[in-house]
């Protein structure tokens, strides 16, 4: 008999946030390597963005099934997060770059070979953007936790 572990959305959100941080840290290590591996680095950044946004959604009550229903689209995660109260805006140039990168991430062309050219945003700028998004998510999560304690 298989036993499925259950968790509350708060704990799950914290786990997702922690994992997102590890993926971003790994991306930074790759970025700083002398012979950087670009596709894996962009994949790790995108995965960090996805998990960071899903950690926020989990904190807002989304269960694992609902999160899986969103899929791996950063755009969909962002739309859901903004609809659930995330106060974060992306300036148009960065938004366009992110949407283009998300197209590659969503269809897994960062993980598998696709005979299609790709244009990538500046990696350092994307890492900085991801850190900023994570700080906003962290602030929202801890603010909710603070209000819960009162």
N, C-alpha and C. Protein backbone atom coordinates (compact mmCIF):
# COMPACT_ATOMS: atom_id res chain seq x y z
N UNK A 1 0.84 -1.18 0.00
CA UNK A 1 0.00 0.00 0.00
C UNK A 1 0.88 1.24 0.00
N UNK A 2 0.60 2.16 -0.91
CA UNK A 2 1.37 3.38 -1.01
C UNK A 2 0.72 4.46 -0.16
N UNK A 3 1.54 5.17 0.59
CA UNK A 3 1.04 6.26 1.40
C UNK A 3 1.51 7.56 0.79
N UNK A 4 0.58 8.44 0.54
CA UNK A 4 0.93 9.74 -0.02
C UNK A 4 1.06 10.73 1.13
N UNK A 5 2.18 11.44 1.13
CA UNK A 5 2.38 12.46 2.14
C UNK A 5 1.50 13.66 1.83
N UNK A 6 0.89 14.18 2.84
CA UNK A 6 0.08 15.38 2.64
C UNK A 6 0.84 16.57 3.23
N UNK A 7 0.56 17.71 2.76
CA UNK A 7 1.21 18.91 3.25
C UNK A 7 0.23 20.06 3.14
N UNK A 8 0.50 21.06 3.92
CA UNK A 8 -0.34 22.24 3.76
C UNK A 8 0.30 23.16 2.74
N UNK A 9 -0.48 24.06 2.21
CA UNK A 9 0.02 24.90 1.12
C UNK A 9 1.14 25.82 1.60
N UNK A 10 1.13 26.20 2.88
CA UNK A 10 2.18 27.06 3.42
C UNK A 10 3.53 26.34 3.39
N UNK A 11 3.57 25.11 3.88
CA UNK A 11 4.82 24.35 3.88
C UNK A 11 5.28 24.07 2.46
N UNK A 12 4.35 23.74 1.60
CA UNK A 12 4.68 23.46 0.21
C UNK A 12 5.26 24.72 -0.45
N UNK A 13 4.66 25.86 -0.18
CA UNK A 13 5.15 27.12 -0.72
C UNK A 13 6.57 27.42 -0.27
N UNK A 14 6.85 27.15 1.00
CA UNK A 14 8.20 27.37 1.51
C UNK A 14 9.20 26.44 0.82
N UNK A 15 8.81 25.19 0.59
CA UNK A 15 9.69 24.24 -0.10
C UNK A 15 9.95 24.70 -1.53
N UNK A 16 8.90 25.14 -2.22
CA UNK A 16 9.07 25.63 -3.59
C UNK A 16 9.99 26.84 -3.63
N UNK A 17 9.83 27.73 -2.66
CA UNK A 17 10.66 28.93 -2.62
C UNK A 17 12.12 28.55 -2.40
N UNK A 18 12.37 27.59 -1.50
CA UNK A 18 13.73 27.14 -1.25
C UNK A 18 14.36 26.50 -2.49
N UNK A 19 13.60 25.65 -3.15
CA UNK A 19 14.09 25.02 -4.39
C UNK A 19 14.38 26.06 -5.46
N UNK A 20 13.51 27.05 -5.58
CA UNK A 20 13.71 28.11 -6.57
C UNK A 20 15.03 28.82 -6.32
N UNK A 21 15.35 29.03 -5.06
CA UNK A 21 16.62 29.68 -4.72
C UNK A 21 17.81 28.82 -5.12
N UNK A 22 17.69 27.52 -4.94
CA UNK A 22 18.78 26.62 -5.32
C UNK A 22 18.99 26.60 -6.83
N UNK A 23 17.90 26.60 -7.59
CA UNK A 23 18.02 26.64 -9.05
C UNK A 23 18.68 27.95 -9.51
N UNK A 24 18.31 29.05 -8.87
CA UNK A 24 18.91 30.33 -9.25
C UNK A 24 20.39 30.36 -8.89
N UNK A 25 20.72 29.83 -7.73
CA UNK A 25 22.12 29.78 -7.31
C UNK A 25 22.95 28.94 -8.29
N UNK A 26 22.39 27.81 -8.74
CA UNK A 26 23.09 26.96 -9.71
C UNK A 26 23.26 27.71 -11.03
N UNK A 27 22.26 28.49 -11.43
CA UNK A 27 22.37 29.29 -12.66
C UNK A 27 23.49 30.32 -12.54
N UNK A 28 23.61 30.91 -11.37
CA UNK A 28 24.69 31.89 -11.16
C UNK A 28 26.06 31.23 -11.24
N UNK A 29 26.17 30.03 -10.71
CA UNK A 29 27.44 29.30 -10.79
C UNK A 29 27.79 29.05 -12.26
N UNK A 30 26.81 28.60 -13.03
CA UNK A 30 27.06 28.37 -14.46
C UNK A 30 27.42 29.67 -15.17
N UNK A 31 26.73 30.74 -14.83
CA UNK A 31 27.00 32.03 -15.46
C UNK A 31 28.44 32.48 -15.21
N UNK A 32 28.92 32.23 -14.01
CA UNK A 32 30.25 32.69 -13.63
C UNK A 32 31.38 31.76 -14.08
N UNK A 33 31.02 30.61 -14.65
CA UNK A 33 32.04 29.68 -15.14
C UNK A 33 32.73 30.26 -16.36
N UNK A 34 33.97 29.89 -16.51
CA UNK A 34 34.75 30.36 -17.65
C UNK A 34 34.12 29.89 -18.97
N UNK A 35 33.66 28.66 -19.00
CA UNK A 35 33.01 28.10 -20.19
C UNK A 35 31.54 27.87 -19.88
N UNK A 36 30.82 28.96 -19.72
CA UNK A 36 29.41 28.88 -19.31
C UNK A 36 28.60 28.00 -20.26
N UNK A 37 27.69 27.26 -19.70
CA UNK A 37 26.76 26.42 -20.45
C UNK A 37 25.44 27.16 -20.49
N UNK A 38 25.15 27.81 -21.61
CA UNK A 38 24.07 28.77 -21.67
C UNK A 38 22.67 28.18 -21.59
N UNK A 39 22.38 27.13 -22.35
CA UNK A 39 21.02 26.57 -22.30
C UNK A 39 20.67 26.07 -20.91
N UNK A 40 21.54 25.28 -20.26
CA UNK A 40 21.20 24.86 -18.89
C UNK A 40 21.04 26.04 -17.94
N UNK A 41 21.85 27.08 -18.13
CA UNK A 41 21.75 28.24 -17.25
C UNK A 41 20.40 28.94 -17.43
N UNK A 42 19.97 29.14 -18.68
CA UNK A 42 18.67 29.78 -18.91
C UNK A 42 17.53 28.89 -18.40
N UNK A 43 17.68 27.59 -18.57
CA UNK A 43 16.66 26.68 -18.03
C UNK A 43 16.55 26.85 -16.52
N UNK A 44 17.68 26.89 -15.83
CA UNK A 44 17.67 27.01 -14.37
C UNK A 44 17.05 28.33 -13.92
N UNK A 45 17.34 29.40 -14.64
CA UNK A 45 16.74 30.70 -14.29
C UNK A 45 15.22 30.63 -14.47
N UNK A 46 14.79 30.07 -15.60
CA UNK A 46 13.34 29.96 -15.84
C UNK A 46 12.67 29.09 -14.79
N UNK A 47 13.31 28.00 -14.43
CA UNK A 47 12.73 27.11 -13.43
C UNK A 47 12.63 27.82 -12.07
N UNK A 48 13.63 28.63 -11.77
CA UNK A 48 13.59 29.42 -10.54
C UNK A 48 12.43 30.40 -10.56
N UNK A 49 12.23 31.05 -11.71
CA UNK A 49 11.09 31.98 -11.83
C UNK A 49 9.77 31.24 -11.64
N UNK A 50 9.63 30.10 -12.31
CA UNK A 50 8.39 29.32 -12.21
C UNK A 50 8.12 28.92 -10.75
N UNK A 51 9.12 28.36 -10.09
CA UNK A 51 8.92 27.89 -8.72
C UNK A 51 8.72 29.04 -7.74
N UNK A 52 9.37 30.16 -7.98
CA UNK A 52 9.17 31.33 -7.11
C UNK A 52 7.72 31.79 -7.18
N UNK A 53 7.19 31.89 -8.41
CA UNK A 53 5.80 32.31 -8.58
C UNK A 53 4.84 31.27 -8.01
N UNK A 54 5.14 30.01 -8.20
CA UNK A 54 4.27 28.96 -7.66
C UNK A 54 4.34 28.91 -6.13
N UNK A 55 5.47 29.32 -5.55
CA UNK A 55 5.54 29.38 -4.08
C UNK A 55 4.57 30.44 -3.57
N UNK A 56 4.50 31.57 -4.29
CA UNK A 56 3.55 32.62 -3.92
C UNK A 56 2.12 32.10 -4.03
N UNK A 57 1.82 31.42 -5.14
CA UNK A 57 0.48 30.88 -5.34
C UNK A 57 0.12 29.85 -4.29
N UNK A 58 1.08 29.05 -3.90
CA UNK A 58 0.85 28.06 -2.85
C UNK A 58 0.48 28.76 -1.55
N UNK A 59 1.19 29.84 -1.27
CA UNK A 59 0.89 30.62 -0.06
C UNK A 59 -0.50 31.26 -0.14
N UNK A 60 -0.99 31.43 -1.34
CA UNK A 60 -2.33 32.00 -1.54
C UNK A 60 -3.41 30.91 -1.60
N UNK A 61 -3.02 29.67 -1.29
CA UNK A 61 -4.00 28.61 -1.19
C UNK A 61 -4.07 27.64 -2.35
N UNK A 62 -3.27 27.83 -3.37
CA UNK A 62 -3.26 26.89 -4.50
C UNK A 62 -2.66 25.57 -4.02
N UNK A 63 -3.38 24.48 -4.25
CA UNK A 63 -2.82 23.18 -3.89
C UNK A 63 -1.97 22.65 -5.05
N UNK A 64 -1.32 21.53 -4.82
CA UNK A 64 -0.40 20.97 -5.81
C UNK A 64 -1.09 20.69 -7.15
N UNK A 65 -2.31 20.19 -7.09
CA UNK A 65 -3.06 19.87 -8.32
C UNK A 65 -3.33 21.15 -9.13
N UNK A 66 -3.72 22.19 -8.44
CA UNK A 66 -4.01 23.45 -9.13
C UNK A 66 -2.73 24.06 -9.73
N UNK A 67 -1.62 23.93 -9.01
CA UNK A 67 -0.34 24.42 -9.52
C UNK A 67 0.09 23.66 -10.76
N UNK A 68 -0.10 22.34 -10.72
CA UNK A 68 0.25 21.53 -11.89
C UNK A 68 -0.61 21.89 -13.09
N UNK A 69 -1.84 22.29 -12.83
CA UNK A 69 -2.74 22.69 -13.90
C UNK A 69 -2.27 23.93 -14.65
N UNK A 70 -1.47 24.75 -13.99
CA UNK A 70 -0.91 25.95 -14.64
C UNK A 70 0.17 25.54 -15.65
N UNK A 71 0.80 24.43 -15.40
CA UNK A 71 1.88 23.98 -16.28
C UNK A 71 3.17 24.69 -15.98
N UNK A 72 4.05 24.72 -16.97
CA UNK A 72 5.38 25.29 -16.77
C UNK A 72 5.54 26.67 -17.40
N UNK A 73 4.44 27.30 -17.70
CA UNK A 73 4.49 28.62 -18.33
C UNK A 73 4.72 29.71 -17.28
N UNK A 74 5.80 30.43 -17.43
CA UNK A 74 6.08 31.55 -16.52
C UNK A 74 5.01 32.62 -16.70
N UNK A 75 4.58 32.84 -17.94
CA UNK A 75 3.53 33.83 -18.20
C UNK A 75 2.25 33.47 -17.44
N UNK A 76 1.82 32.22 -17.52
CA UNK A 76 0.60 31.80 -16.81
C UNK A 76 0.80 31.93 -15.30
N UNK A 77 1.96 31.56 -14.81
CA UNK A 77 2.24 31.70 -13.37
C UNK A 77 2.16 33.16 -12.95
N UNK A 78 2.73 34.03 -13.77
CA UNK A 78 2.72 35.46 -13.45
C UNK A 78 1.31 36.03 -13.46
N UNK A 79 0.52 35.64 -14.45
CA UNK A 79 -0.87 36.11 -14.54
C UNK A 79 -1.66 35.64 -13.31
N UNK A 80 -1.50 34.37 -12.95
CA UNK A 80 -2.19 33.84 -11.76
C UNK A 80 -1.73 34.56 -10.50
N UNK A 81 -0.41 34.79 -10.37
CA UNK A 81 0.13 35.45 -9.18
C UNK A 81 -0.38 36.88 -9.07
N UNK A 82 -0.37 37.60 -10.17
CA UNK A 82 -0.89 38.97 -10.16
C UNK A 82 -2.37 38.99 -9.81
N UNK A 83 -3.12 38.01 -10.33
CA UNK A 83 -4.54 37.90 -10.01
C UNK A 83 -4.80 37.51 -8.57
N UNK A 84 -3.77 36.95 -7.93
CA UNK A 84 -3.88 36.55 -6.52
C UNK A 84 -3.23 37.55 -5.58
N UNK A 85 -2.88 38.73 -6.12
CA UNK A 85 -2.40 39.80 -5.25
C UNK A 85 -0.92 40.12 -5.30
N UNK A 86 -0.16 39.48 -6.16
CA UNK A 86 1.27 39.81 -6.24
C UNK A 86 1.41 41.18 -6.86
N UNK A 87 2.08 42.06 -6.16
CA UNK A 87 2.29 43.43 -6.63
C UNK A 87 3.68 43.51 -7.27
N UNK A 88 3.71 43.24 -8.57
CA UNK A 88 4.97 43.21 -9.30
C UNK A 88 4.68 43.56 -10.75
N UNK A 89 5.40 44.52 -11.27
CA UNK A 89 5.20 44.86 -12.68
C UNK A 89 6.53 44.76 -13.41
N UNK A 90 6.44 44.38 -14.65
CA UNK A 90 7.63 44.21 -15.48
C UNK A 90 7.59 45.27 -16.57
N UNK A 91 8.65 46.08 -16.66
CA UNK A 91 8.69 47.08 -17.75
C UNK A 91 8.60 46.39 -19.12
N UNK A 92 7.96 47.03 -20.10
CA UNK A 92 7.73 46.40 -21.40
C UNK A 92 8.94 45.73 -22.06
N UNK A 93 10.12 46.36 -22.09
CA UNK A 93 11.22 45.66 -22.77
C UNK A 93 11.56 44.32 -22.10
N UNK A 94 11.62 44.32 -20.78
CA UNK A 94 11.92 43.09 -20.05
C UNK A 94 10.78 42.08 -20.20
N UNK A 95 9.55 42.58 -20.21
CA UNK A 95 8.40 41.69 -20.36
C UNK A 95 8.46 40.96 -21.70
N UNK A 96 8.80 41.67 -22.76
CA UNK A 96 8.90 41.06 -24.08
C UNK A 96 9.99 40.00 -24.12
N UNK A 97 11.14 40.31 -23.53
CA UNK A 97 12.24 39.34 -23.48
C UNK A 97 11.84 38.11 -22.69
N UNK A 98 11.17 38.34 -21.56
CA UNK A 98 10.75 37.23 -20.71
C UNK A 98 9.73 36.35 -21.43
N UNK A 99 8.79 36.97 -22.13
CA UNK A 99 7.78 36.20 -22.86
C UNK A 99 8.41 35.36 -23.96
N UNK A 100 9.40 35.92 -24.64
CA UNK A 100 10.09 35.17 -25.68
C UNK A 100 10.85 33.98 -25.08
N UNK A 101 11.53 34.22 -23.97
CA UNK A 101 12.24 33.14 -23.30
C UNK A 101 11.26 32.09 -22.76
N UNK A 102 10.11 32.55 -22.26
CA UNK A 102 9.10 31.64 -21.73
C UNK A 102 8.58 30.70 -22.82
N UNK A 103 8.49 31.19 -24.04
CA UNK A 103 8.06 30.33 -25.14
C UNK A 103 9.00 29.13 -25.30
N UNK A 104 10.30 29.38 -25.16
CA UNK A 104 11.29 28.30 -25.26
C UNK A 104 11.21 27.37 -24.05
N UNK A 105 11.02 27.97 -22.88
CA UNK A 105 10.96 27.19 -21.64
C UNK A 105 9.71 26.30 -21.62
N UNK A 106 8.58 26.86 -22.01
CA UNK A 106 7.31 26.13 -21.96
C UNK A 106 7.29 24.91 -22.88
N UNK A 107 7.87 25.06 -24.07
CA UNK A 107 7.87 23.93 -25.01
C UNK A 107 9.11 23.04 -24.86
N UNK A 108 9.89 23.32 -23.83
CA UNK A 108 11.07 22.51 -23.48
C UNK A 108 12.22 22.61 -24.47
N UNK A 109 12.29 23.68 -25.25
CA UNK A 109 13.40 23.80 -26.19
C UNK A 109 14.69 24.24 -25.51
N UNK A 110 14.65 24.48 -24.20
CA UNK A 110 15.88 24.70 -23.45
C UNK A 110 16.45 23.37 -22.94
N UNK A 111 15.62 22.33 -23.01
CA UNK A 111 16.02 21.01 -22.52
C UNK A 111 16.33 20.02 -23.64
N UNK A 112 15.72 20.22 -24.79
CA UNK A 112 15.88 19.30 -25.91
C UNK A 112 16.26 20.08 -27.15
N UNK A 113 16.81 19.40 -28.13
CA UNK A 113 17.21 20.07 -29.36
C UNK A 113 15.98 20.42 -30.20
N UNK A 114 15.91 21.68 -30.57
CA UNK A 114 14.89 22.16 -31.50
C UNK A 114 15.62 22.97 -32.55
N UNK A 115 15.34 22.70 -33.79
CA UNK A 115 16.00 23.39 -34.88
C UNK A 115 15.31 24.73 -35.12
N UNK A 116 15.43 25.60 -34.15
CA UNK A 116 14.82 26.92 -34.22
C UNK A 116 15.76 27.89 -33.51
N UNK A 117 16.00 29.02 -34.13
CA UNK A 117 16.91 29.97 -33.49
C UNK A 117 16.25 30.56 -32.24
N UNK A 118 17.11 30.97 -31.32
CA UNK A 118 16.64 31.52 -30.06
C UNK A 118 17.37 32.84 -29.80
N UNK A 119 16.65 33.78 -29.28
CA UNK A 119 17.26 35.04 -28.85
C UNK A 119 17.07 35.10 -27.34
N UNK A 120 18.16 35.30 -26.64
CA UNK A 120 18.10 35.30 -25.18
C UNK A 120 18.35 36.69 -24.62
N UNK A 121 17.69 36.99 -23.51
CA UNK A 121 17.99 38.25 -22.82
C UNK A 121 19.37 38.16 -22.18
N UNK A 122 19.91 39.29 -21.79
CA UNK A 122 21.17 39.32 -21.09
C UNK A 122 21.06 38.48 -19.82
N UNK A 123 21.96 37.52 -19.66
CA UNK A 123 21.86 36.57 -18.54
C UNK A 123 21.97 37.26 -17.18
N UNK A 124 22.91 38.18 -17.05
CA UNK A 124 23.10 38.85 -15.76
C UNK A 124 21.86 39.67 -15.41
N UNK A 125 21.29 40.34 -16.41
CA UNK A 125 20.07 41.12 -16.16
C UNK A 125 18.91 40.21 -15.75
N UNK A 126 18.82 39.04 -16.38
CA UNK A 126 17.75 38.10 -16.04
C UNK A 126 17.93 37.54 -14.63
N UNK A 127 19.16 37.30 -14.24
CA UNK A 127 19.44 36.84 -12.87
C UNK A 127 19.04 37.93 -11.88
N UNK A 128 19.40 39.17 -12.18
CA UNK A 128 19.03 40.29 -11.30
C UNK A 128 17.51 40.43 -11.22
N UNK A 129 16.84 40.32 -12.36
CA UNK A 129 15.38 40.38 -12.40
C UNK A 129 14.77 39.28 -11.52
N UNK A 130 15.31 38.06 -11.64
CA UNK A 130 14.79 36.93 -10.87
C UNK A 130 14.99 37.15 -9.38
N UNK A 131 16.13 37.68 -9.00
CA UNK A 131 16.37 38.00 -7.58
C UNK A 131 15.36 39.03 -7.08
N UNK A 132 15.09 40.02 -7.91
CA UNK A 132 14.12 41.05 -7.51
C UNK A 132 12.72 40.44 -7.34
N UNK A 133 12.31 39.62 -8.30
CA UNK A 133 11.01 38.96 -8.19
C UNK A 133 10.96 38.11 -6.93
N UNK A 134 12.03 37.38 -6.65
CA UNK A 134 12.07 36.54 -5.45
C UNK A 134 11.97 37.37 -4.17
N UNK A 135 12.57 38.54 -4.16
CA UNK A 135 12.47 39.39 -2.96
C UNK A 135 11.04 39.88 -2.77
N UNK A 136 10.36 40.20 -3.87
CA UNK A 136 8.95 40.62 -3.78
C UNK A 136 8.09 39.46 -3.28
N UNK A 137 8.32 38.27 -3.83
CA UNK A 137 7.57 37.09 -3.39
C UNK A 137 7.86 36.83 -1.91
N UNK A 138 9.12 36.90 -1.52
CA UNK A 138 9.48 36.66 -0.12
C UNK A 138 8.77 37.65 0.79
N UNK A 139 8.78 38.93 0.40
CA UNK A 139 8.10 39.95 1.21
C UNK A 139 6.61 39.66 1.32
N UNK A 140 5.99 39.26 0.23
CA UNK A 140 4.55 38.94 0.25
C UNK A 140 4.27 37.73 1.15
N UNK A 141 5.12 36.73 1.05
CA UNK A 141 4.94 35.52 1.87
C UNK A 141 5.10 35.84 3.34
N UNK A 142 6.16 36.57 3.68
CA UNK A 142 6.41 36.87 5.09
C UNK A 142 5.38 37.85 5.64
N UNK A 143 4.88 38.75 4.81
CA UNK A 143 3.84 39.67 5.25
C UNK A 143 2.57 38.90 5.60
N UNK A 144 2.22 37.94 4.75
CA UNK A 144 1.04 37.11 5.03
C UNK A 144 1.24 36.34 6.33
N UNK A 145 2.45 35.82 6.52
CA UNK A 145 2.76 35.07 7.74
C UNK A 145 2.65 35.99 8.97
N UNK A 146 3.13 37.23 8.83
CA UNK A 146 3.07 38.20 9.93
C UNK A 146 1.62 38.48 10.31
N UNK A 147 0.77 38.70 9.31
CA UNK A 147 -0.64 38.97 9.59
C UNK A 147 -1.33 37.77 10.22
N UNK A 148 -0.89 36.59 9.82
CA UNK A 148 -1.44 35.36 10.39
C UNK A 148 -1.13 35.24 11.88
N UNK A 149 0.04 35.72 12.27
CA UNK A 149 0.48 35.61 13.66
C UNK A 149 -0.26 36.58 14.57
N UNK A 150 -0.79 37.65 14.03
CA UNK A 150 -1.43 38.68 14.84
C UNK A 150 -2.73 38.24 15.40
